[in-house]
N, C-alpha and C. Protein backbone atom coordinates (compact mmCIF):
# COMPACT_ATOMS: atom_id res chain seq x y z
N MET A 1 5.47 10.10 -7.58
CA MET A 1 6.12 9.53 -6.40
C MET A 1 7.64 9.49 -6.59
N ILE A 2 8.10 8.91 -7.71
CA ILE A 2 9.54 8.80 -7.99
C ILE A 2 9.79 9.21 -9.43
N THR A 3 10.74 10.11 -9.64
CA THR A 3 11.13 10.48 -11.00
C THR A 3 12.64 10.60 -11.10
N LEU A 4 13.15 10.18 -12.23
CA LEU A 4 14.53 10.41 -12.61
C LEU A 4 14.50 11.25 -13.88
N GLU A 5 15.25 12.33 -13.87
CA GLU A 5 15.29 13.22 -15.03
C GLU A 5 16.74 13.37 -15.49
N SER A 6 17.04 12.76 -16.63
CA SER A 6 18.38 12.84 -17.24
C SER A 6 19.48 12.48 -16.23
N VAL A 7 19.26 11.40 -15.49
CA VAL A 7 20.20 11.01 -14.42
C VAL A 7 21.35 10.18 -14.99
N SER A 8 22.57 10.62 -14.69
CA SER A 8 23.77 9.90 -15.09
C SER A 8 24.64 9.65 -13.88
N LYS A 9 25.34 8.51 -13.91
CA LYS A 9 26.23 8.16 -12.80
C LYS A 9 27.39 7.33 -13.32
N SER A 10 28.61 7.74 -12.97
CA SER A 10 29.81 7.01 -13.36
C SER A 10 30.67 6.78 -12.13
N TYR A 11 31.54 5.77 -12.22
CA TYR A 11 32.51 5.51 -11.17
C TYR A 11 33.89 5.43 -11.79
N GLN A 12 34.88 5.93 -11.08
CA GLN A 12 36.25 5.84 -11.53
C GLN A 12 36.78 4.43 -11.26
N SER A 13 37.34 3.83 -12.26
CA SER A 13 37.88 2.48 -12.13
C SER A 13 39.38 2.49 -12.41
N GLY A 14 40.17 2.51 -11.34
CA GLY A 14 41.62 2.53 -11.50
C GLY A 14 42.09 3.76 -12.26
N ASP A 15 43.06 3.55 -13.14
CA ASP A 15 43.61 4.66 -13.92
C ASP A 15 42.89 4.84 -15.24
N GLY A 16 41.94 3.98 -15.53
CA GLY A 16 41.24 4.05 -16.80
C GLY A 16 40.16 5.12 -16.80
N PRO A 17 39.41 5.19 -17.87
CA PRO A 17 38.31 6.17 -17.95
C PRO A 17 37.18 5.80 -17.00
N PRO A 18 36.36 6.75 -16.58
CA PRO A 18 35.23 6.46 -15.70
C PRO A 18 34.30 5.41 -16.31
N LEU A 19 33.76 4.56 -15.46
CA LEU A 19 32.82 3.53 -15.90
C LEU A 19 31.41 4.09 -15.79
N GLU A 20 30.74 4.27 -16.91
CA GLU A 20 29.40 4.85 -16.92
C GLU A 20 28.38 3.78 -16.55
N ILE A 21 27.64 4.03 -15.47
CA ILE A 21 26.65 3.07 -14.98
C ILE A 21 25.25 3.45 -15.44
N LEU A 22 24.87 4.69 -15.23
CA LEU A 22 23.57 5.20 -15.67
C LEU A 22 23.81 6.34 -16.64
N ARG A 23 23.03 6.35 -17.72
CA ARG A 23 23.26 7.33 -18.78
C ARG A 23 21.97 8.05 -19.14
N GLU A 24 21.82 9.26 -18.62
CA GLU A 24 20.66 10.11 -18.90
C GLU A 24 19.35 9.34 -18.75
N CYS A 25 19.21 8.68 -17.61
CA CYS A 25 18.02 7.85 -17.35
C CYS A 25 16.78 8.72 -17.09
N GLU A 26 15.68 8.30 -17.68
CA GLU A 26 14.38 8.90 -17.43
C GLU A 26 13.49 7.81 -16.84
N TRP A 27 12.81 8.14 -15.75
CA TRP A 27 12.00 7.11 -15.07
C TRP A 27 10.90 7.79 -14.29
N LYS A 28 9.73 7.21 -14.28
CA LYS A 28 8.63 7.75 -13.49
C LYS A 28 7.82 6.59 -12.92
N ILE A 29 7.70 6.54 -11.60
CA ILE A 29 6.96 5.50 -10.90
C ILE A 29 5.89 6.17 -10.06
N GLY A 30 4.65 5.72 -10.19
CA GLY A 30 3.54 6.33 -9.48
C GLY A 30 3.36 5.80 -8.07
N ARG A 31 2.59 6.51 -7.29
CA ARG A 31 2.30 6.13 -5.91
C ARG A 31 1.60 4.76 -5.87
N GLY A 32 2.08 3.89 -5.00
CA GLY A 32 1.45 2.59 -4.82
C GLY A 32 1.78 1.55 -5.87
N GLU A 33 2.68 1.86 -6.80
CA GLU A 33 3.07 0.86 -7.80
C GLU A 33 4.07 -0.13 -7.21
N ALA A 34 4.10 -1.33 -7.78
CA ALA A 34 5.09 -2.34 -7.43
C ALA A 34 5.84 -2.70 -8.70
N VAL A 35 7.13 -2.40 -8.76
CA VAL A 35 7.90 -2.64 -9.97
C VAL A 35 9.16 -3.42 -9.65
N ALA A 36 9.60 -4.19 -10.63
CA ALA A 36 10.87 -4.90 -10.54
C ALA A 36 11.87 -4.24 -11.47
N VAL A 37 13.12 -4.22 -11.05
CA VAL A 37 14.22 -3.76 -11.89
C VAL A 37 15.17 -4.94 -12.08
N VAL A 38 15.33 -5.35 -13.33
CA VAL A 38 16.17 -6.50 -13.64
C VAL A 38 17.31 -6.06 -14.55
N GLY A 39 18.32 -6.91 -14.64
CA GLY A 39 19.46 -6.61 -15.49
C GLY A 39 20.66 -7.40 -15.03
N PRO A 40 21.68 -7.51 -15.87
CA PRO A 40 22.87 -8.29 -15.51
C PRO A 40 23.64 -7.66 -14.36
N SER A 41 24.49 -8.44 -13.72
CA SER A 41 25.34 -7.93 -12.66
C SER A 41 26.20 -6.79 -13.20
N GLY A 42 26.32 -5.73 -12.40
CA GLY A 42 27.11 -4.60 -12.82
C GLY A 42 26.38 -3.60 -13.68
N SER A 43 25.09 -3.83 -13.90
CA SER A 43 24.34 -2.92 -14.78
C SER A 43 23.89 -1.65 -14.08
N GLY A 44 23.99 -1.62 -12.74
CA GLY A 44 23.65 -0.41 -12.02
C GLY A 44 22.39 -0.50 -11.18
N LYS A 45 21.87 -1.70 -10.97
CA LYS A 45 20.62 -1.85 -10.23
C LYS A 45 20.76 -1.35 -8.79
N SER A 46 21.81 -1.79 -8.11
CA SER A 46 22.00 -1.36 -6.72
C SER A 46 22.34 0.13 -6.66
N THR A 47 23.08 0.62 -7.64
CA THR A 47 23.36 2.05 -7.71
C THR A 47 22.07 2.85 -7.78
N LEU A 48 21.13 2.37 -8.57
CA LEU A 48 19.84 3.04 -8.68
C LEU A 48 19.16 3.14 -7.32
N LEU A 49 19.17 2.06 -6.54
CA LEU A 49 18.56 2.09 -5.22
C LEU A 49 19.27 3.06 -4.29
N HIS A 50 20.59 3.12 -4.38
CA HIS A 50 21.35 4.05 -3.55
C HIS A 50 20.99 5.50 -3.88
N LEU A 51 20.76 5.79 -5.14
CA LEU A 51 20.35 7.14 -5.52
C LEU A 51 18.97 7.47 -4.95
N LEU A 52 18.07 6.49 -4.99
CA LEU A 52 16.72 6.71 -4.46
C LEU A 52 16.73 6.87 -2.95
N ALA A 53 17.62 6.16 -2.28
CA ALA A 53 17.70 6.23 -0.82
C ALA A 53 18.51 7.43 -0.34
N GLY A 54 19.21 8.09 -1.26
CA GLY A 54 20.01 9.23 -0.88
C GLY A 54 21.35 8.88 -0.27
N THR A 55 21.80 7.63 -0.45
CA THR A 55 23.10 7.22 0.06
C THR A 55 24.19 7.37 -1.00
N ASP A 56 23.81 7.81 -2.19
CA ASP A 56 24.75 8.13 -3.27
C ASP A 56 24.14 9.26 -4.07
N GLN A 57 24.97 9.95 -4.84
CA GLN A 57 24.50 11.09 -5.61
C GLN A 57 24.79 10.89 -7.09
N ALA A 58 23.87 11.36 -7.92
CA ALA A 58 24.07 11.32 -9.37
C ALA A 58 25.10 12.35 -9.78
N ASP A 59 25.79 12.08 -10.87
CA ASP A 59 26.73 13.05 -11.42
C ASP A 59 25.99 14.17 -12.13
N ALA A 60 24.84 13.83 -12.70
CA ALA A 60 24.04 14.81 -13.42
C ALA A 60 22.59 14.39 -13.37
N GLY A 61 21.67 15.35 -13.56
CA GLY A 61 20.25 15.04 -13.56
C GLY A 61 19.64 15.22 -12.18
N LYS A 62 18.37 14.86 -12.08
CA LYS A 62 17.62 15.09 -10.84
C LYS A 62 16.86 13.83 -10.44
N VAL A 63 17.01 13.45 -9.17
CA VAL A 63 16.28 12.33 -8.58
C VAL A 63 15.28 12.92 -7.58
N THR A 64 14.00 12.58 -7.75
CA THR A 64 12.96 13.08 -6.84
C THR A 64 12.20 11.90 -6.27
N VAL A 65 12.08 11.87 -4.95
CA VAL A 65 11.35 10.82 -4.25
C VAL A 65 10.40 11.50 -3.27
N CYS A 66 9.11 11.29 -3.45
CA CYS A 66 8.11 11.90 -2.56
C CYS A 66 8.31 13.41 -2.46
N GLU A 67 8.50 14.04 -3.60
CA GLU A 67 8.65 15.50 -3.70
C GLU A 67 9.91 16.02 -3.03
N GLN A 68 10.84 15.15 -2.72
CA GLN A 68 12.13 15.55 -2.15
C GLN A 68 13.27 15.09 -3.06
N GLN A 69 14.34 15.86 -3.07
CA GLN A 69 15.53 15.48 -3.81
C GLN A 69 16.58 15.04 -2.78
N PRO A 70 16.76 13.73 -2.62
CA PRO A 70 17.64 13.23 -1.55
C PRO A 70 19.04 13.84 -1.57
N SER A 71 19.58 14.09 -2.76
CA SER A 71 20.95 14.59 -2.84
C SER A 71 21.09 16.01 -2.33
N SER A 72 19.97 16.74 -2.22
CA SER A 72 20.04 18.13 -1.78
C SER A 72 19.87 18.29 -0.27
N LEU A 73 19.61 17.18 0.43
CA LEU A 73 19.35 17.24 1.87
C LEU A 73 20.65 17.27 2.67
N ASN A 74 20.65 18.01 3.77
CA ASN A 74 21.81 17.95 4.66
C ASN A 74 21.79 16.63 5.42
N ALA A 75 22.83 16.38 6.19
CA ALA A 75 22.98 15.07 6.84
C ALA A 75 21.80 14.73 7.73
N GLU A 76 21.32 15.69 8.51
CA GLU A 76 20.21 15.44 9.42
C GLU A 76 18.92 15.16 8.65
N ALA A 77 18.66 15.98 7.63
CA ALA A 77 17.45 15.80 6.84
C ALA A 77 17.50 14.50 6.05
N ALA A 78 18.69 14.14 5.56
CA ALA A 78 18.84 12.89 4.80
C ALA A 78 18.57 11.68 5.69
N ALA A 79 19.05 11.74 6.94
CA ALA A 79 18.79 10.64 7.87
C ALA A 79 17.30 10.53 8.16
N ALA A 80 16.63 11.66 8.33
CA ALA A 80 15.19 11.64 8.58
C ALA A 80 14.44 11.11 7.37
N PHE A 81 14.91 11.48 6.17
CA PHE A 81 14.29 11.00 4.93
C PHE A 81 14.37 9.48 4.86
N ARG A 82 15.54 8.92 5.13
CA ARG A 82 15.69 7.46 5.06
C ARG A 82 14.93 6.76 6.18
N ARG A 83 14.77 7.42 7.30
CA ARG A 83 14.07 6.82 8.42
C ARG A 83 12.56 6.85 8.23
N GLU A 84 12.04 7.97 7.70
CA GLU A 84 10.60 8.19 7.68
C GLU A 84 9.95 7.96 6.33
N THR A 85 10.70 8.03 5.25
CA THR A 85 10.11 7.96 3.91
C THR A 85 10.44 6.67 3.19
N VAL A 86 11.65 6.16 3.40
CA VAL A 86 12.14 5.01 2.64
C VAL A 86 12.46 3.85 3.57
N GLY A 87 11.90 2.68 3.27
CA GLY A 87 12.28 1.46 3.96
C GLY A 87 13.17 0.63 3.03
N ILE A 88 14.08 -0.14 3.59
CA ILE A 88 15.03 -0.91 2.77
C ILE A 88 15.11 -2.35 3.28
N VAL A 89 15.03 -3.28 2.33
CA VAL A 89 15.26 -4.69 2.63
C VAL A 89 16.43 -5.15 1.76
N PHE A 90 17.45 -5.71 2.39
CA PHE A 90 18.65 -6.15 1.68
C PHE A 90 18.62 -7.67 1.47
N GLN A 91 19.57 -8.15 0.67
CA GLN A 91 19.70 -9.60 0.49
C GLN A 91 20.09 -10.25 1.81
N ALA A 92 20.99 -9.62 2.55
CA ALA A 92 21.33 -10.07 3.90
C ALA A 92 20.41 -9.35 4.87
N HIS A 93 19.93 -10.05 5.86
CA HIS A 93 18.89 -9.49 6.73
C HIS A 93 19.38 -8.34 7.61
N HIS A 94 20.67 -8.34 7.97
CA HIS A 94 21.26 -7.29 8.81
C HIS A 94 20.54 -7.13 10.15
N LEU A 95 20.10 -8.24 10.72
CA LEU A 95 19.54 -8.18 12.08
C LEU A 95 20.68 -8.11 13.09
N LEU A 96 20.45 -7.43 14.20
CA LEU A 96 21.44 -7.41 15.26
C LEU A 96 21.35 -8.71 16.05
N PRO A 97 22.43 -9.47 16.12
CA PRO A 97 22.36 -10.83 16.70
C PRO A 97 22.02 -10.86 18.17
N GLN A 98 22.30 -9.78 18.91
CA GLN A 98 22.06 -9.77 20.35
C GLN A 98 20.64 -9.35 20.71
N LEU A 99 19.83 -8.97 19.69
CA LEU A 99 18.47 -8.52 19.94
C LEU A 99 17.47 -9.58 19.48
N THR A 100 16.34 -9.65 20.15
CA THR A 100 15.27 -10.57 19.76
C THR A 100 14.61 -10.09 18.47
N ALA A 101 13.77 -10.93 17.91
CA ALA A 101 13.03 -10.55 16.70
C ALA A 101 12.23 -9.28 16.95
N LEU A 102 11.54 -9.22 18.09
CA LEU A 102 10.74 -8.04 18.42
C LEU A 102 11.62 -6.81 18.58
N GLU A 103 12.74 -6.93 19.25
CA GLU A 103 13.63 -5.78 19.44
C GLU A 103 14.21 -5.30 18.13
N ASN A 104 14.52 -6.22 17.23
CA ASN A 104 15.03 -5.83 15.91
C ASN A 104 13.99 -5.03 15.13
N VAL A 105 12.74 -5.44 15.20
CA VAL A 105 11.68 -4.73 14.49
C VAL A 105 11.47 -3.35 15.10
N LEU A 106 11.67 -3.23 16.40
CA LEU A 106 11.48 -1.95 17.09
C LEU A 106 12.64 -0.97 16.89
N LEU A 107 13.76 -1.43 16.36
CA LEU A 107 14.94 -0.57 16.23
C LEU A 107 14.66 0.78 15.55
N PRO A 108 13.93 0.82 14.42
CA PRO A 108 13.72 2.11 13.76
C PRO A 108 13.01 3.14 14.64
N THR A 109 12.24 2.68 15.61
CA THR A 109 11.50 3.61 16.45
C THR A 109 12.42 4.34 17.43
N LEU A 110 13.59 3.76 17.71
CA LEU A 110 14.52 4.43 18.64
C LEU A 110 15.02 5.73 18.03
N ALA A 111 15.41 5.67 16.74
CA ALA A 111 15.87 6.88 16.07
C ALA A 111 14.74 7.86 15.86
N ALA A 112 13.51 7.34 15.73
CA ALA A 112 12.36 8.21 15.51
C ALA A 112 11.84 8.83 16.79
N GLY A 113 12.38 8.40 17.94
CA GLY A 113 11.97 8.98 19.21
C GLY A 113 10.72 8.38 19.81
N ALA A 114 10.22 7.29 19.22
CA ALA A 114 8.99 6.67 19.74
C ALA A 114 9.34 5.59 20.76
N CYS A 115 10.00 5.99 21.81
CA CYS A 115 10.48 4.98 22.77
C CYS A 115 10.08 5.29 24.20
N LYS A 116 9.10 6.19 24.39
CA LYS A 116 8.66 6.52 25.74
C LYS A 116 7.14 6.57 25.81
N GLY A 117 6.60 6.20 26.96
CA GLY A 117 5.18 6.37 27.23
C GLY A 117 4.28 5.68 26.23
N THR A 118 3.20 6.38 25.86
CA THR A 118 2.21 5.80 24.96
C THR A 118 2.78 5.55 23.58
N ALA A 119 3.75 6.37 23.16
CA ALA A 119 4.38 6.15 21.85
C ALA A 119 5.10 4.81 21.83
N ALA A 120 5.78 4.48 22.91
CA ALA A 120 6.48 3.21 23.00
C ALA A 120 5.49 2.05 22.99
N GLU A 121 4.39 2.21 23.70
CA GLU A 121 3.36 1.17 23.72
C GLU A 121 2.78 0.94 22.34
N ALA A 122 2.51 2.03 21.63
CA ALA A 122 1.95 1.92 20.27
C ALA A 122 2.95 1.26 19.33
N ALA A 123 4.24 1.64 19.48
CA ALA A 123 5.28 1.05 18.63
C ALA A 123 5.40 -0.45 18.89
N ARG A 124 5.37 -0.84 20.14
CA ARG A 124 5.47 -2.26 20.48
C ARG A 124 4.27 -3.02 19.91
N GLY A 125 3.10 -2.42 20.01
CA GLY A 125 1.90 -3.05 19.45
C GLY A 125 2.01 -3.25 17.96
N ARG A 126 2.53 -2.23 17.24
CA ARG A 126 2.68 -2.37 15.79
C ARG A 126 3.73 -3.43 15.45
N ALA A 127 4.83 -3.46 16.20
CA ALA A 127 5.87 -4.44 15.93
C ALA A 127 5.34 -5.86 16.10
N ILE A 128 4.58 -6.07 17.14
CA ILE A 128 3.99 -7.40 17.37
C ILE A 128 3.02 -7.75 16.25
N GLU A 129 2.21 -6.78 15.86
CA GLU A 129 1.27 -7.01 14.76
C GLU A 129 2.00 -7.38 13.47
N LEU A 130 3.08 -6.67 13.17
CA LEU A 130 3.84 -6.96 11.95
C LEU A 130 4.44 -8.35 11.99
N LEU A 131 5.00 -8.72 13.13
CA LEU A 131 5.58 -10.06 13.24
C LEU A 131 4.52 -11.15 13.12
N LYS A 132 3.34 -10.88 13.64
CA LYS A 132 2.25 -11.83 13.46
C LYS A 132 1.87 -11.94 11.99
N ARG A 133 1.87 -10.81 11.28
CA ARG A 133 1.50 -10.80 9.86
C ARG A 133 2.51 -11.57 9.01
N VAL A 134 3.76 -11.63 9.46
CA VAL A 134 4.76 -12.40 8.70
C VAL A 134 4.89 -13.82 9.24
N GLY A 135 3.97 -14.21 10.13
CA GLY A 135 3.94 -15.58 10.60
C GLY A 135 4.91 -15.89 11.72
N LEU A 136 5.34 -14.85 12.45
CA LEU A 136 6.32 -15.06 13.51
C LEU A 136 5.81 -14.61 14.88
N GLY A 137 4.50 -14.68 15.05
CA GLY A 137 3.92 -14.29 16.32
C GLY A 137 4.40 -15.13 17.49
N GLU A 138 4.86 -16.34 17.23
CA GLU A 138 5.37 -17.21 18.29
C GLU A 138 6.89 -17.13 18.43
N ARG A 139 7.51 -16.21 17.68
CA ARG A 139 8.98 -16.11 17.69
C ARG A 139 9.45 -14.74 18.20
N LEU A 140 8.59 -14.01 18.88
CA LEU A 140 8.91 -12.64 19.28
C LEU A 140 10.21 -12.54 20.07
N GLU A 141 10.44 -13.47 20.96
CA GLU A 141 11.60 -13.40 21.86
C GLU A 141 12.78 -14.23 21.38
N HIS A 142 12.70 -14.72 20.15
CA HIS A 142 13.80 -15.52 19.62
C HIS A 142 14.91 -14.62 19.08
N LEU A 143 16.16 -14.97 19.37
CA LEU A 143 17.30 -14.31 18.76
C LEU A 143 17.44 -14.78 17.31
N PRO A 144 18.09 -13.98 16.45
CA PRO A 144 18.27 -14.40 15.05
C PRO A 144 18.91 -15.78 14.91
N SER A 145 19.80 -16.15 15.83
CA SER A 145 20.47 -17.45 15.74
C SER A 145 19.50 -18.61 15.89
N ARG A 146 18.32 -18.34 16.43
CA ARG A 146 17.32 -19.39 16.62
C ARG A 146 16.26 -19.36 15.52
N LEU A 147 16.47 -18.54 14.50
CA LEU A 147 15.53 -18.43 13.38
C LEU A 147 16.17 -18.97 12.11
N SER A 148 15.35 -19.50 11.23
CA SER A 148 15.85 -19.96 9.93
C SER A 148 16.17 -18.75 9.05
N GLY A 149 16.81 -19.01 7.91
CA GLY A 149 17.13 -17.92 6.99
C GLY A 149 15.88 -17.20 6.51
N GLY A 150 14.85 -17.97 6.17
CA GLY A 150 13.60 -17.36 5.73
C GLY A 150 12.94 -16.55 6.82
N GLU A 151 13.00 -17.06 8.06
CA GLU A 151 12.40 -16.33 9.19
C GLU A 151 13.15 -15.03 9.46
N ARG A 152 14.47 -15.08 9.37
CA ARG A 152 15.25 -13.85 9.60
C ARG A 152 14.91 -12.79 8.55
N GLN A 153 14.72 -13.23 7.31
CA GLN A 153 14.38 -12.26 6.27
C GLN A 153 12.97 -11.70 6.47
N ARG A 154 12.08 -12.51 7.03
CA ARG A 154 10.73 -12.00 7.33
C ARG A 154 10.77 -10.96 8.45
N VAL A 155 11.66 -11.15 9.42
CA VAL A 155 11.84 -10.13 10.45
C VAL A 155 12.34 -8.84 9.81
N ALA A 156 13.26 -8.95 8.86
CA ALA A 156 13.78 -7.77 8.17
C ALA A 156 12.68 -7.03 7.41
N VAL A 157 11.76 -7.78 6.82
CA VAL A 157 10.63 -7.17 6.12
C VAL A 157 9.74 -6.42 7.10
N ALA A 158 9.45 -7.05 8.23
CA ALA A 158 8.63 -6.39 9.26
C ALA A 158 9.31 -5.11 9.74
N ARG A 159 10.61 -5.17 9.95
CA ARG A 159 11.36 -3.99 10.41
C ARG A 159 11.29 -2.86 9.37
N ALA A 160 11.40 -3.21 8.09
CA ALA A 160 11.38 -2.20 7.04
C ALA A 160 10.05 -1.46 6.98
N TRP A 161 8.96 -2.14 7.37
CA TRP A 161 7.64 -1.52 7.33
C TRP A 161 7.23 -0.89 8.66
N MET A 162 8.11 -0.93 9.63
CA MET A 162 7.74 -0.49 10.98
C MET A 162 7.24 0.95 11.01
N LEU A 163 7.90 1.84 10.29
CA LEU A 163 7.54 3.26 10.32
C LEU A 163 6.66 3.66 9.13
N LYS A 164 6.03 2.69 8.50
CA LYS A 164 5.09 2.94 7.41
C LYS A 164 5.70 3.79 6.30
N PRO A 165 6.80 3.33 5.69
CA PRO A 165 7.45 4.13 4.65
C PRO A 165 6.57 4.28 3.41
N ALA A 166 6.70 5.41 2.75
CA ALA A 166 5.98 5.63 1.50
C ALA A 166 6.57 4.80 0.38
N VAL A 167 7.89 4.53 0.48
CA VAL A 167 8.61 3.77 -0.55
C VAL A 167 9.39 2.67 0.13
N LEU A 168 9.32 1.46 -0.42
CA LEU A 168 10.16 0.37 0.07
C LEU A 168 11.07 -0.10 -1.06
N LEU A 169 12.37 -0.12 -0.79
CA LEU A 169 13.37 -0.57 -1.73
C LEU A 169 13.89 -1.93 -1.29
N ALA A 170 13.84 -2.90 -2.18
CA ALA A 170 14.29 -4.25 -1.84
C ALA A 170 15.40 -4.66 -2.81
N ASP A 171 16.59 -4.87 -2.29
CA ASP A 171 17.76 -5.19 -3.11
C ASP A 171 18.05 -6.69 -3.03
N GLU A 172 17.63 -7.42 -4.05
CA GLU A 172 17.79 -8.88 -4.10
C GLU A 172 17.30 -9.53 -2.81
N PRO A 173 16.07 -9.25 -2.39
CA PRO A 173 15.60 -9.73 -1.08
C PRO A 173 15.50 -11.24 -0.96
N THR A 174 15.42 -11.95 -2.10
CA THR A 174 15.29 -13.41 -2.05
C THR A 174 16.57 -14.11 -2.47
N GLY A 175 17.64 -13.34 -2.67
CA GLY A 175 18.87 -13.91 -3.22
C GLY A 175 19.50 -15.00 -2.38
N ALA A 176 19.29 -14.95 -1.06
CA ALA A 176 19.90 -15.95 -0.17
C ALA A 176 18.92 -17.03 0.25
N LEU A 177 17.74 -17.08 -0.38
CA LEU A 177 16.70 -18.02 0.04
C LEU A 177 16.50 -19.12 -0.99
N ASP A 178 15.98 -20.26 -0.53
CA ASP A 178 15.62 -21.32 -1.45
C ASP A 178 14.31 -20.94 -2.16
N ALA A 179 13.91 -21.75 -3.13
CA ALA A 179 12.77 -21.40 -3.98
C ALA A 179 11.48 -21.23 -3.18
N LYS A 180 11.25 -22.12 -2.22
CA LYS A 180 10.02 -22.05 -1.43
C LYS A 180 9.96 -20.77 -0.61
N ASN A 181 11.06 -20.46 0.09
CA ASN A 181 11.08 -19.25 0.91
C ASN A 181 11.08 -17.99 0.06
N ALA A 182 11.70 -18.06 -1.12
CA ALA A 182 11.71 -16.91 -2.02
C ALA A 182 10.29 -16.58 -2.48
N THR A 183 9.53 -17.61 -2.82
CA THR A 183 8.14 -17.40 -3.23
C THR A 183 7.32 -16.81 -2.10
N ALA A 184 7.51 -17.33 -0.90
CA ALA A 184 6.75 -16.84 0.25
C ALA A 184 7.11 -15.39 0.56
N LEU A 185 8.39 -15.05 0.47
CA LEU A 185 8.81 -13.69 0.79
C LEU A 185 8.29 -12.70 -0.26
N THR A 186 8.31 -13.11 -1.52
CA THR A 186 7.80 -12.24 -2.58
C THR A 186 6.32 -11.95 -2.37
N GLN A 187 5.56 -12.98 -2.01
CA GLN A 187 4.14 -12.78 -1.75
C GLN A 187 3.94 -11.88 -0.54
N LEU A 188 4.80 -12.04 0.45
CA LEU A 188 4.73 -11.20 1.64
C LEU A 188 4.96 -9.73 1.29
N LEU A 189 5.94 -9.46 0.46
CA LEU A 189 6.20 -8.08 0.03
C LEU A 189 4.99 -7.49 -0.68
N ARG A 190 4.38 -8.27 -1.56
CA ARG A 190 3.20 -7.79 -2.27
C ARG A 190 2.02 -7.57 -1.34
N ASP A 191 1.84 -8.47 -0.38
CA ASP A 191 0.74 -8.32 0.57
C ASP A 191 0.90 -7.04 1.38
N PHE A 192 2.10 -6.80 1.87
CA PHE A 192 2.36 -5.58 2.63
C PHE A 192 2.18 -4.36 1.75
N GLN A 193 2.70 -4.42 0.55
CA GLN A 193 2.63 -3.27 -0.37
C GLN A 193 1.19 -2.87 -0.64
N ARG A 194 0.34 -3.85 -0.86
CA ARG A 194 -1.08 -3.56 -1.13
C ARG A 194 -1.77 -3.03 0.12
N ALA A 195 -1.50 -3.66 1.27
CA ALA A 195 -2.17 -3.27 2.50
C ALA A 195 -1.76 -1.88 2.98
N GLU A 196 -0.48 -1.53 2.77
CA GLU A 196 0.05 -0.27 3.29
C GLU A 196 0.02 0.85 2.23
N GLY A 197 -0.28 0.49 0.97
CA GLY A 197 -0.28 1.50 -0.09
C GLY A 197 1.10 2.01 -0.44
N THR A 198 2.10 1.18 -0.21
CA THR A 198 3.50 1.56 -0.41
C THR A 198 3.91 1.42 -1.87
N THR A 199 4.81 2.28 -2.30
CA THR A 199 5.46 2.09 -3.60
C THR A 199 6.62 1.13 -3.38
N LEU A 200 6.64 0.04 -4.14
CA LEU A 200 7.62 -1.03 -3.95
C LEU A 200 8.52 -1.15 -5.17
N ILE A 201 9.82 -1.10 -4.96
CA ILE A 201 10.80 -1.29 -6.03
C ILE A 201 11.71 -2.44 -5.62
N VAL A 202 11.69 -3.50 -6.41
CA VAL A 202 12.46 -4.70 -6.11
C VAL A 202 13.52 -4.91 -7.19
N VAL A 203 14.77 -4.89 -6.79
CA VAL A 203 15.87 -5.25 -7.68
C VAL A 203 16.09 -6.75 -7.56
N THR A 204 16.11 -7.45 -8.68
CA THR A 204 16.21 -8.91 -8.60
C THR A 204 16.80 -9.51 -9.86
N HIS A 205 17.45 -10.65 -9.68
CA HIS A 205 17.89 -11.47 -10.81
C HIS A 205 16.84 -12.54 -11.13
N ALA A 206 15.92 -12.75 -10.21
CA ALA A 206 14.97 -13.86 -10.33
C ALA A 206 13.74 -13.45 -11.13
N GLU A 207 13.56 -14.06 -12.27
CA GLU A 207 12.39 -13.75 -13.10
C GLU A 207 11.10 -14.08 -12.37
N SER A 208 11.13 -15.13 -11.53
CA SER A 208 9.92 -15.52 -10.80
C SER A 208 9.48 -14.43 -9.82
N VAL A 209 10.45 -13.70 -9.29
CA VAL A 209 10.13 -12.57 -8.40
C VAL A 209 9.63 -11.39 -9.23
N ALA A 210 10.33 -11.08 -10.31
CA ALA A 210 9.96 -9.94 -11.14
C ALA A 210 8.54 -10.07 -11.69
N GLU A 211 8.17 -11.29 -12.04
CA GLU A 211 6.85 -11.52 -12.63
C GLU A 211 5.70 -11.25 -11.67
N LYS A 212 5.99 -11.21 -10.37
CA LYS A 212 4.94 -10.94 -9.38
C LYS A 212 4.65 -9.45 -9.23
N MET A 213 5.47 -8.60 -9.84
CA MET A 213 5.29 -7.16 -9.74
C MET A 213 4.34 -6.66 -10.83
N ASP A 214 3.90 -5.40 -10.70
CA ASP A 214 2.98 -4.83 -11.68
C ASP A 214 3.67 -4.54 -13.00
N ALA A 215 4.96 -4.22 -12.94
CA ALA A 215 5.72 -3.89 -14.15
C ALA A 215 7.17 -4.30 -13.95
N ILE A 216 7.84 -4.59 -15.06
CA ILE A 216 9.25 -4.97 -15.02
C ILE A 216 10.03 -3.96 -15.87
N TRP A 217 11.06 -3.37 -15.26
CA TRP A 217 11.96 -2.47 -15.97
C TRP A 217 13.32 -3.14 -16.09
N ARG A 218 13.90 -3.07 -17.27
CA ARG A 218 15.21 -3.67 -17.51
C ARG A 218 16.25 -2.57 -17.61
N LEU A 219 17.33 -2.74 -16.85
CA LEU A 219 18.43 -1.78 -16.86
C LEU A 219 19.56 -2.37 -17.70
N ALA A 220 19.85 -1.73 -18.81
CA ALA A 220 20.89 -2.22 -19.71
C ALA A 220 21.51 -1.03 -20.44
N ALA A 221 22.82 -1.08 -20.59
CA ALA A 221 23.56 -0.01 -21.28
C ALA A 221 23.23 1.36 -20.68
N GLY A 222 23.01 1.37 -19.35
CA GLY A 222 22.79 2.62 -18.65
C GLY A 222 21.41 3.20 -18.76
N LYS A 223 20.48 2.47 -19.38
CA LYS A 223 19.13 2.98 -19.59
C LYS A 223 18.10 2.06 -18.94
N LEU A 224 17.01 2.66 -18.46
CA LEU A 224 15.88 1.92 -17.93
C LEU A 224 14.80 1.82 -18.98
N LEU A 225 14.42 0.59 -19.31
CA LEU A 225 13.42 0.37 -20.35
C LEU A 225 12.32 -0.53 -19.82
N LEU A 226 11.07 -0.17 -20.09
CA LEU A 226 9.94 -0.98 -19.67
C LEU A 226 9.91 -2.25 -20.49
N GLN A 227 9.87 -3.38 -19.78
CA GLN A 227 9.94 -4.68 -20.49
C GLN A 227 8.57 -5.12 -21.00
């Protein structure tokens, strides 16, 4: 499902030498696995997710996700890859404030063209089902301003699963939540992952979140090591 082969990534920092973030990383994640990636700030966890999503490119090596190499795709194909293959949940929910919870969950279908006729009806049905599954069946028409922080993040989770991605990337998804909501959201991610057969990769500082995954990988000194 996901492989990294001798992947290296550096960033230029001012006039000094390049800052090496990833150093000849080797990684293999199977279909339907749920893994956590932990490590100190600045260790490259978010960079790793950007490489998997195709929003950044490695300096060397090969990144393969679902038999595709994101860095080799043209702009149109890369956009389709991120829309159809990879779902993303961020620490900040990134909901559009002028749209209701239901409309926010339906957003990915607009780019996918599922906005007319029976396709639109099916998309609306799935969005409602997802919101019910995250416990927000009574909040469909609520704007984000009328939802709590935990509720907004649950809408973001529903939106990420709207197009049934093969891979879901979660970048510190519980970082802005209190302990109770963080626990609930982590369980929600696992429930969705098992039900949908999705490969789940969660970047986190929280050991309590990492422990809920099938495996924990630690990113340190530019290398990924199974903990």
